[in-house]
Amino acid sequence: MSSDFESYEQDFAVLTADITGRIGRVPKLLGDEKKQMVANIEKQLEEARELLEQMELEVREIPPQSRGMYSSRMRSYKQEMGKLEADFKRSRIAYSDEVRNELLGDDGNSSENQLIKLREERAHLLDNTERLERSSRRLEAGYQIAVETEQIGQEMLENLSHDREKIQRARERLRETDANLGKSSRILTGMLRRHFCRYPAFPGHFNQAVIHLFPLDSCGLLCILCTS
């Protein structure tokens, strides 16, 4: 199971390294070239999310005593994924110096005004991005708590199932013991009855106790003789 997790880890590391390099090139692009790069990065980010989901499924299958180390690594990968997504959002609204000059030109005050406007718009977008990231972190924290709660619940159910099996086995042993005791009691009773019927000459008071313990049955005729 851990070998599958490590395989996904390697794929995730290669993919995120490629995404990081492409994100750094986005501000230097314009037009269709930039759109194509953005589309490629979005596709790679989706692949990275799918890898994280596969890794998380693998972690759930790992025994609880060995799960801690893998859970810690998963938290680190999720943080890395969050940083990549934030960097990607910033890169889509950022421009390199060369692109900025190409957009604004050298028109003096007009260029300066456009630059100020772009900066304001960028600040506004960054502010919205930060809010989205904070909301995403809160959702992620809530999801992590839900996952941990589910794991604890599964462990409790497993423990209860084991306890139930132990109780059932104990009940079975108790039934077997009761059955053996009943069988032994019947055998002993039969042996005593045959003995007393075969040798009825006992003192009267003892014979009365025998009659009290063993009431008249198929051996009654001889037992009556025991009282004479």
C-alpha atoms as a PDB file:
ATOM      1  CA  MET A   1       0.000   0.000   0.000  1.00  0.00           C
ATOM      2  CA  SER A   2       2.807   2.483   0.891  1.00  0.00           C
ATOM      3  CA  SER A   3       4.497   1.760  -2.452  1.00  0.00           C
ATOM      4  CA  ASP A   4       1.427   3.106  -4.269  1.00  0.00           C
ATOM      5  CA  PHE A   5       1.499   6.207  -2.075  1.00  0.00           C
ATOM      6  CA  GLU A   6       5.179   6.814  -2.852  1.00  0.00           C
ATOM      7  CA  SER A   7       4.514   6.395  -6.580  1.00  0.00           C
ATOM      8  CA  TYR A   8       1.821   9.074  -6.391  1.00  0.00           C
ATOM      9  CA  GLU A   9       4.267  11.235  -4.423  1.00  0.00           C
ATOM     10  CA  GLN A  10       6.837  11.090  -7.203  1.00  0.00           C
ATOM     11  CA  ASP A  11       4.245  11.967  -9.843  1.00  0.00           C
ATOM     12  CA  PHE A  12       3.041  14.865  -7.693  1.00  0.00           C
ATOM     13  CA  ALA A  13       6.584  16.223  -7.231  1.00  0.00           C
ATOM     14  CA  VAL A  14       7.320  16.136 -10.981  1.00  0.00           C
ATOM     15  CA  LEU A  15       3.980  17.719 -11.851  1.00  0.00           C
ATOM     16  CA  THR A  16       4.205  20.546  -9.309  1.00  0.00           C
ATOM     17  CA  ALA A  17       7.752  21.380 -10.416  1.00  0.00           C
ATOM     18  CA  ASP A  18       6.546  21.749 -14.013  1.00  0.00           C
ATOM     19  CA  ILE A  19       3.568  23.861 -12.888  1.00  0.00           C
ATOM     20  CA  THR A  20       5.869  26.174 -10.911  1.00  0.00           C
ATOM     21  CA  GLY A  21       8.057  26.771 -13.967  1.00  0.00           C
ATOM     22  CA  ARG A  22       5.083  27.533 -16.194  1.00  0.00           C
ATOM     23  CA  ILE A  23       3.514  29.896 -13.665  1.00  0.00           C
ATOM     24  CA  GLY A  24       6.729  31.944 -13.708  1.00  0.00           C
ATOM     25  CA  ARG A  25       6.412  32.409 -17.486  1.00  0.00           C
ATOM     26  CA  VAL A  26       2.773  33.553 -17.513  1.00  0.00           C
ATOM     27  CA  PRO A  27       3.415  37.273 -16.720  1.00  0.00           C
ATOM     28  CA  LYS A  28       5.756  37.491 -19.731  1.00  0.00           C
ATOM     29  CA  LEU A  29       3.111  36.351 -22.212  1.00  0.00           C
ATOM     30  CA  LEU A  30       0.322  38.161 -24.067  1.00  0.00           C
ATOM     31  CA  GLY A  31      -2.799  37.307 -26.005  1.00  0.00           C
ATOM     32  CA  ASP A  32      -3.433  33.784 -27.235  1.00  0.00           C
ATOM     33  CA  GLU A  33      -0.059  32.579 -26.047  1.00  0.00           C
ATOM     34  CA  LYS A  34      -0.908  33.560 -22.494  1.00  0.00           C
ATOM     35  CA  LYS A  35      -4.400  32.005 -22.755  1.00  0.00           C
ATOM     36  CA  GLN A  36      -2.894  28.725 -23.948  1.00  0.00           C
ATOM     37  CA  MET A  37      -0.365  28.691 -21.116  1.00  0.00           C
ATOM     38  CA  VAL A  38      -3.107  29.428 -18.567  1.00  0.00           C
ATOM     39  CA  ALA A  39      -5.259  26.592 -19.952  1.00  0.00           C
ATOM     40  CA  ASN A  40      -2.324  24.157 -19.732  1.00  0.00           C
ATOM     41  CA  ILE A  41      -1.602  25.142 -16.143  1.00  0.00           C
ATOM     42  CA  GLU A  42      -5.274  24.743 -15.167  1.00  0.00           C
ATOM     43  CA  LYS A  43      -5.239  21.237 -16.618  1.00  0.00           C
ATOM     44  CA  GLN A  44      -2.061  20.371 -14.700  1.00  0.00           C
ATOM     45  CA  LEU A  45      -3.507  21.761 -11.470  1.00  0.00           C
ATOM     46  CA  GLU A  46      -6.533  19.508 -11.907  1.00  0.00           C
ATOM     47  CA  GLU A  47      -4.214  16.520 -12.388  1.00  0.00           C
ATOM     48  CA  ALA A  48      -2.373  17.498  -9.201  1.00  0.00           C
ATOM     49  CA  ARG A  49      -5.668  17.632  -7.269  1.00  0.00           C
ATOM     50  CA  GLU A  50      -6.563  14.150  -8.520  1.00  0.00           C
ATOM     51  CA  LEU A  51      -3.167  12.857  -7.361  1.00  0.00           C
ATOM     52  CA  LEU A  52      -3.808  14.335  -3.910  1.00  0.00           C
ATOM     53  CA  GLU A  53      -7.171  12.565  -3.767  1.00  0.00           C
ATOM     54  CA  GLN A  54      -5.543   9.244  -4.704  1.00  0.00           C
ATOM     55  CA  MET A  55      -2.858   9.757  -2.063  1.00  0.00           C
ATOM     56  CA  GLU A  56      -5.498  10.526   0.557  1.00  0.00           C
ATOM     57  CA  LEU A  57      -7.369   7.330  -0.296  1.00  0.00           C
ATOM     58  CA  GLU A  58      -4.139   5.369   0.104  1.00  0.00           C
ATOM     59  CA  VAL A  59      -3.540   6.961   3.522  1.00  0.00           C
ATOM     60  CA  ARG A  60      -6.990   5.829   4.708  1.00  0.00           C
ATOM     61  CA  GLU A  61      -6.055   2.217   3.898  1.00  0.00           C
ATOM     62  CA  ILE A  62      -2.842   2.358   5.973  1.00  0.00           C
ATOM     63  CA  PRO A  63      -3.113   0.835   9.503  1.00  0.00           C
ATOM     64  CA  PRO A  64      -3.750   3.485  12.210  1.00  0.00           C
ATOM     65  CA  GLN A  65      -0.422   2.835  13.947  1.00  0.00           C
ATOM     66  CA  SER A  66       1.481   3.765  10.751  1.00  0.00           C
ATOM     67  CA  ARG A  67      -0.861   6.457   9.427  1.00  0.00           C
ATOM     68  CA  GLY A  68       0.557   9.467  11.315  1.00  0.00           C
ATOM     69  CA  MET A  69       3.658   9.926   9.165  1.00  0.00           C
ATOM     70  CA  TYR A  70       1.674   9.777   5.921  1.00  0.00           C
ATOM     71  CA  SER A  71      -0.988  12.161   7.225  1.00  0.00           C
ATOM     72  CA  SER A  72       1.729  14.709   8.020  1.00  0.00           C
ATOM     73  CA  ARG A  73       3.104  14.420   4.491  1.00  0.00           C
ATOM     74  CA  MET A  74      -0.379  14.879   3.070  1.00  0.00           C
ATOM     75  CA  ARG A  75      -0.816  18.141   4.993  1.00  0.00           C
ATOM     76  CA  SER A  76       2.469  19.398   3.534  1.00  0.00           C
ATOM     77  CA  TYR A  77       1.377  18.510  -0.014  1.00  0.00           C
ATOM     78  CA  LYS A  78      -1.965  20.256   0.459  1.00  0.00           C
ATOM     79  CA  GLN A  79      -0.187  23.401   1.629  1.00  0.00           C
ATOM     80  CA  GLU A  80       2.067  23.232  -1.417  1.00  0.00           C
ATOM     81  CA  MET A  81      -1.000  22.839  -3.633  1.00  0.00           C
ATOM     82  CA  GLY A  82      -2.620  25.880  -2.042  1.00  0.00           C
ATOM     83  CA  LYS A  83       0.498  27.956  -2.658  1.00  0.00           C
ATOM     84  CA  LEU A  84       0.628  26.882  -6.311  1.00  0.00           C
ATOM     85  CA  GLU A  85      -2.989  27.885  -6.839  1.00  0.00           C
ATOM     86  CA  ALA A  86      -2.394  31.261  -5.191  1.00  0.00           C
ATOM     87  CA  ASP A  87       0.711  31.902  -7.316  1.00  0.00           C
ATOM     88  CA  PHE A  88      -1.220  30.946 -10.426  1.00  0.00           C
ATOM     89  CA  LYS A  89      -3.991  33.432  -9.637  1.00  0.00           C
ATOM     90  CA  ARG A  90      -1.454  36.199  -9.136  1.00  0.00           C
ATOM     91  CA  SER A  91       0.417  35.343 -12.329  1.00  0.00           C
ATOM     92  CA  ARG A  92      -2.750  35.718 -14.409  1.00  0.00           C
ATOM     93  CA  ILE A  93      -3.103  39.390 -13.417  1.00  0.00           C
ATOM     94  CA  ALA A  94       0.617  40.219 -13.228  1.00  0.00           C
ATOM     95  CA  TYR A  95       2.744  41.678 -16.020  1.00  0.00           C
ATOM     96  CA  SER A  96       6.487  41.723 -16.530  1.00  0.00           C
ATOM     97  CA  ASP A  97       8.243  45.045 -17.137  1.00  0.00           C
ATOM     98  CA  GLU A  98       8.505  44.327 -20.864  1.00  0.00           C
ATOM     99  CA  VAL A  99       4.809  43.547 -21.217  1.00  0.00           C
ATOM    100  CA  ARG A 100       3.854  46.594 -19.118  1.00  0.00           C
ATOM    101  CA  ASN A 101       5.890  48.891 -21.349  1.00  0.00           C
ATOM    102  CA  GLU A 102       4.340  47.315 -24.414  1.00  0.00           C
ATOM    103  CA  LEU A 103       0.855  47.891 -23.033  1.00  0.00           C
ATOM    104  CA  LEU A 104       1.418  51.437 -21.781  1.00  0.00           C
ATOM    105  CA  GLY A 105       3.959  52.774 -24.256  1.00  0.00           C
ATOM    106  CA  ASP A 106       5.669  56.129 -23.564  1.00  0.00           C
ATOM    107  CA  ASP A 107       2.729  58.537 -23.591  1.00  0.00           C
ATOM    108  CA  GLY A 108       3.741  60.486 -20.485  1.00  0.00           C
ATOM    109  CA  ASN A 109       0.846  61.286 -18.169  1.00  0.00           C
ATOM    110  CA  SER A 110      -1.555  58.994 -20.028  1.00  0.00           C
ATOM    111  CA  SER A 111       0.760  56.036 -19.505  1.00  0.00           C
ATOM    112  CA  GLU A 112       1.212  56.919 -15.834  1.00  0.00           C
ATOM    113  CA  ASN A 113      -2.545  57.113 -15.303  1.00  0.00           C
ATOM    114  CA  GLN A 114      -3.043  53.744 -16.960  1.00  0.00           C
ATOM    115  CA  LEU A 115      -0.304  52.274 -14.796  1.00  0.00           C
ATOM    116  CA  ILE A 116      -1.961  53.617 -11.640  1.00  0.00           C
ATOM    117  CA  LYS A 117      -5.281  52.191 -12.763  1.00  0.00           C
ATOM    118  CA  LEU A 118      -3.729  48.818 -13.443  1.00  0.00           C
ATOM    119  CA  ARG A 119      -2.102  48.822 -10.023  1.00  0.00           C
ATOM    120  CA  GLU A 120      -5.408  49.623  -8.353  1.00  0.00           C
ATOM    121  CA  GLU A 121      -7.165  46.871 -10.256  1.00  0.00           C
ATOM    122  CA  ARG A 122      -4.388  44.466  -9.412  1.00  0.00           C
ATOM    123  CA  ALA A 123      -4.576  45.375  -5.706  1.00  0.00           C
ATOM    124  CA  HIS A 124      -8.330  44.834  -5.783  1.00  0.00           C
ATOM    125  CA  LEU A 125      -7.955  41.438  -7.449  1.00  0.00           C
ATOM    126  CA  LEU A 126      -5.239  40.418  -5.001  1.00  0.00           C
ATOM    127  CA  ASP A 127      -7.491  41.389  -2.106  1.00  0.00           C
ATOM    128  CA  ASN A 128     -10.300  39.227  -3.503  1.00  0.00           C
ATOM    129  CA  THR A 129      -7.814  36.423  -4.053  1.00  0.00           C
ATOM    130  CA  GLU A 130      -6.676  36.601  -0.428  1.00  0.00           C
ATOM    131  CA  ARG A 131     -10.278  36.383   0.739  1.00  0.00           C
ATOM    132  CA  LEU A 132     -10.873  33.342  -1.415  1.00  0.00           C
ATOM    133  CA  GLU A 133      -7.712  31.730  -0.076  1.00  0.00           C
ATOM    134  CA  ARG A 134      -8.788  32.328   3.516  1.00  0.00           C
ATOM    135  CA  SER A 135     -12.181  30.780   2.777  1.00  0.00           C
ATOM    136  CA  SER A 136     -10.461  27.858   1.065  1.00  0.00           C
ATOM    137  CA  ARG A 137      -8.208  27.293   4.090  1.00  0.00           C
ATOM    138  CA  ARG A 138     -11.201  27.304   6.427  1.00  0.00           C
ATOM    139  CA  LEU A 139     -12.993  24.787   4.224  1.00  0.00           C
ATOM    140  CA  GLU A 140      -9.872  22.636   4.077  1.00  0.00           C
ATOM    141  CA  ALA A 141      -9.530  22.736   7.863  1.00  0.00           C
ATOM    142  CA  GLY A 142     -13.184  21.723   8.224  1.00  0.00           C
ATOM    143  CA  TYR A 143     -12.697  18.895   5.756  1.00  0.00           C
ATOM    144  CA  GLN A 144      -9.607  17.673   7.613  1.00  0.00           C
ATOM    145  CA  ILE A 145     -11.546  17.632  10.890  1.00  0.00           C
ATOM    146  CA  ALA A 146     -14.327  15.654   9.198  1.00  0.00           C
ATOM    147  CA  VAL A 147     -11.806  13.145   7.832  1.00  0.00           C
ATOM    148  CA  GLU A 148     -10.134  12.703  11.229  1.00  0.00           C
ATOM    149  CA  THR A 149     -13.548  12.317  12.890  1.00  0.00           C
ATOM    150  CA  GLU A 150     -14.472   9.661  10.342  1.00  0.00           C
ATOM    151  CA  GLN A 151     -11.216   7.810  11.035  1.00  0.00           C
ATOM    152  CA  ILE A 152     -11.854   7.896  14.783  1.00  0.00           C
ATOM    153  CA  GLY A 153     -15.392   6.621  14.218  1.00  0.00           C
ATOM    154  CA  GLN A 154     -14.120   3.752  12.076  1.00  0.00           C
ATOM    155  CA  GLU A 155     -11.596   2.773  14.744  1.00  0.00           C
ATOM    156  CA  MET A 156     -14.314   2.847  17.418  1.00  0.00           C
ATOM    157  CA  LEU A 157     -16.580   0.658  15.274  1.00  0.00           C
ATOM    158  CA  GLU A 158     -13.734  -1.802  14.750  1.00  0.00           C
ATOM    159  CA  ASN A 159     -13.080  -1.942  18.506  1.00  0.00           C
ATOM    160  CA  LEU A 160     -16.784  -2.458  19.233  1.00  0.00           C
ATOM    161  CA  SER A 161     -16.923  -5.225  16.650  1.00  0.00           C
ATOM    162  CA  HIS A 162     -13.960  -6.977  18.293  1.00  0.00           C
ATOM    163  CA  ASP A 163     -15.568  -6.622  21.734  1.00  0.00           C
ATOM    164  CA  ARG A 164     -18.814  -8.059  20.403  1.00  0.00           C
ATOM    165  CA  GLU A 165     -16.988 -11.070  18.993  1.00  0.00           C
ATOM    166  CA  LYS A 166     -15.285 -11.649  22.359  1.00  0.00           C
ATOM    167  CA  ILE A 167     -18.648 -11.491  24.166  1.00  0.00           C
ATOM    168  CA  GLN A 168     -20.212 -13.898  21.690  1.00  0.00           C
ATOM    169  CA  ARG A 169     -17.334 -16.349  22.125  1.00  0.00           C
ATOM    170  CA  ALA A 170     -17.676 -16.095  25.903  1.00  0.00           C
ATOM    171  CA  ARG A 171     -21.409 -16.816  25.651  1.00  0.00           C
ATOM    172  CA  GLU A 172     -20.741 -19.847  23.470  1.00  0.00           C
ATOM    173  CA  ARG A 173     -18.224 -21.190  25.988  1.00  0.00           C
ATOM    174  CA  LEU A 174     -20.754 -20.600  28.790  1.00  0.00           C
ATOM    175  CA  ARG A 175     -23.463 -22.501  26.884  1.00  0.00           C
ATOM    176  CA  GLU A 176     -21.048 -25.364  26.254  1.00  0.00           C
ATOM    177  CA  THR A 177     -20.116 -25.416  29.948  1.00  0.00           C
ATOM    178  CA  ASP A 178     -23.800 -25.450  30.977  1.00  0.00           C
ATOM    179  CA  ALA A 179     -24.477 -28.263  28.522  1.00  0.00           C
ATOM    180  CA  ASN A 180     -21.541 -30.288  29.855  1.00  0.00           C
ATOM    181  CA  LEU A 181     -22.628 -29.713  33.452  1.00  0.00           C
ATOM    182  CA  GLY A 182     -26.176 -30.797  32.611  1.00  0.00           C
ATOM    183  CA  LYS A 183     -24.920 -33.907  30.891  1.00  0.00           C
ATOM    184  CA  SER A 184     -22.622 -34.729  33.826  1.00  0.00           C
ATOM    185  CA  SER A 185     -25.481 -34.170  36.262  1.00  0.00           C
ATOM    186  CA  ARG A 186     -27.763 -36.547  34.333  1.00  0.00           C
ATOM    187  CA  ILE A 187     -25.047 -39.217  34.174  1.00  0.00           C
ATOM    188  CA  LEU A 188     -24.344 -38.895  37.901  1.00  0.00           C
ATOM    189  CA  THR A 189     -28.042 -39.003  38.728  1.00  0.00           C
ATOM    190  CA  GLY A 190     -28.474 -42.161  36.656  1.00  0.00           C
ATOM    191  CA  MET A 191     -25.505 -43.808  38.325  1.00  0.00           C
ATOM    192  CA  LEU A 192     -26.841 -42.985  41.811  1.00  0.00           C
ATOM    193  CA  ARG A 193     -30.307 -44.278  40.994  1.00  0.00           C
ATOM    194  CA  ARG A 194     -28.955 -47.520  39.604  1.00  0.00           C
ATOM    195  CA  HIS A 195     -26.784 -47.902  42.689  1.00  0.00           C
ATOM    196  CA  PHE A 196     -29.598 -47.313  45.165  1.00  0.00           C
ATOM    197  CA  CYS A 197     -31.966 -49.554  43.269  1.00  0.00           C
ATOM    198  CA  ARG A 198     -29.350 -52.311  43.221  1.00  0.00           C
ATOM    199  CA  TYR A 199     -28.437 -51.965  46.940  1.00  0.00           C
ATOM    200  CA  PRO A 200     -31.596 -50.749  48.710  1.00  0.00           C
ATOM    201  CA  ALA A 201     -30.630 -51.776  52.261  1.00  0.00           C
ATOM    202  CA  PHE A 202     -29.770 -48.381  53.841  1.00  0.00           C
ATOM    203  CA  PRO A 203     -30.872 -46.864  57.131  1.00  0.00           C
ATOM    204  CA  GLY A 204     -34.387 -45.535  57.062  1.00  0.00           C
ATOM    205  CA  HIS A 205     -33.599 -41.851  57.424  1.00  0.00           C
ATOM    206  CA  PHE A 206     -30.998 -42.022  54.613  1.00  0.00           C
ATOM    207  CA  ASN A 207     -33.477 -43.887  52.419  1.00  0.00           C
ATOM    208  CA  GLN A 208     -36.022 -41.096  52.993  1.00  0.00           C
ATOM    209  CA  ALA A 209     -33.401 -38.589  51.762  1.00  0.00           C
ATOM    210  CA  VAL A 210     -32.812 -40.779  48.735  1.00  0.00           C
ATOM    211  CA  ILE A 211     -36.570 -40.866  47.996  1.00  0.00           C
ATOM    212  CA  HIS A 212     -36.647 -37.071  48.358  1.00  0.00           C
ATOM    213  CA  LEU A 213     -33.765 -36.633  45.907  1.00  0.00           C
ATOM    214  CA  PHE A 214     -34.988 -39.282  43.465  1.00  0.00           C
ATOM    215  CA  PRO A 215     -38.807 -39.364  43.271  1.00  0.00           C
ATOM    216  CA  LEU A 216     -40.662 -42.381  41.957  1.00  0.00           C
ATOM    217  CA  ASP A 217     -40.044 -43.103  38.286  1.00  0.00           C
ATOM    218  CA  SER A 218     -39.355 -46.183  36.203  1.00  0.00           C
ATOM    219  CA  CYS A 219     -37.287 -47.462  39.114  1.00  0.00           C
ATOM    220  CA  GLY A 220     -39.997 -46.657  41.675  1.00  0.00           C
ATOM    221  CA  LEU A 221     -40.838 -50.199  42.693  1.00  0.00           C
ATOM    222  CA  LEU A 222     -37.295 -50.918  43.912  1.00  0.00           C
ATOM    223  CA  CYS A 223     -36.951 -47.494  45.466  1.00  0.00           C
ATOM    224  CA  ILE A 224     -40.069 -48.140  47.523  1.00  0.00           C
ATOM    225  CA  LEU A 225     -38.307 -51.174  48.895  1.00  0.00           C
ATOM    226  CA  CYS A 226     -35.553 -48.853  50.090  1.00  0.00           C
ATOM    227  CA  THR A 227     -37.979 -47.264  52.582  1.00  0.00           C
ATOM    228  CA  SER A 228     -38.946 -50.566  54.269  1.00  0.00           C
END
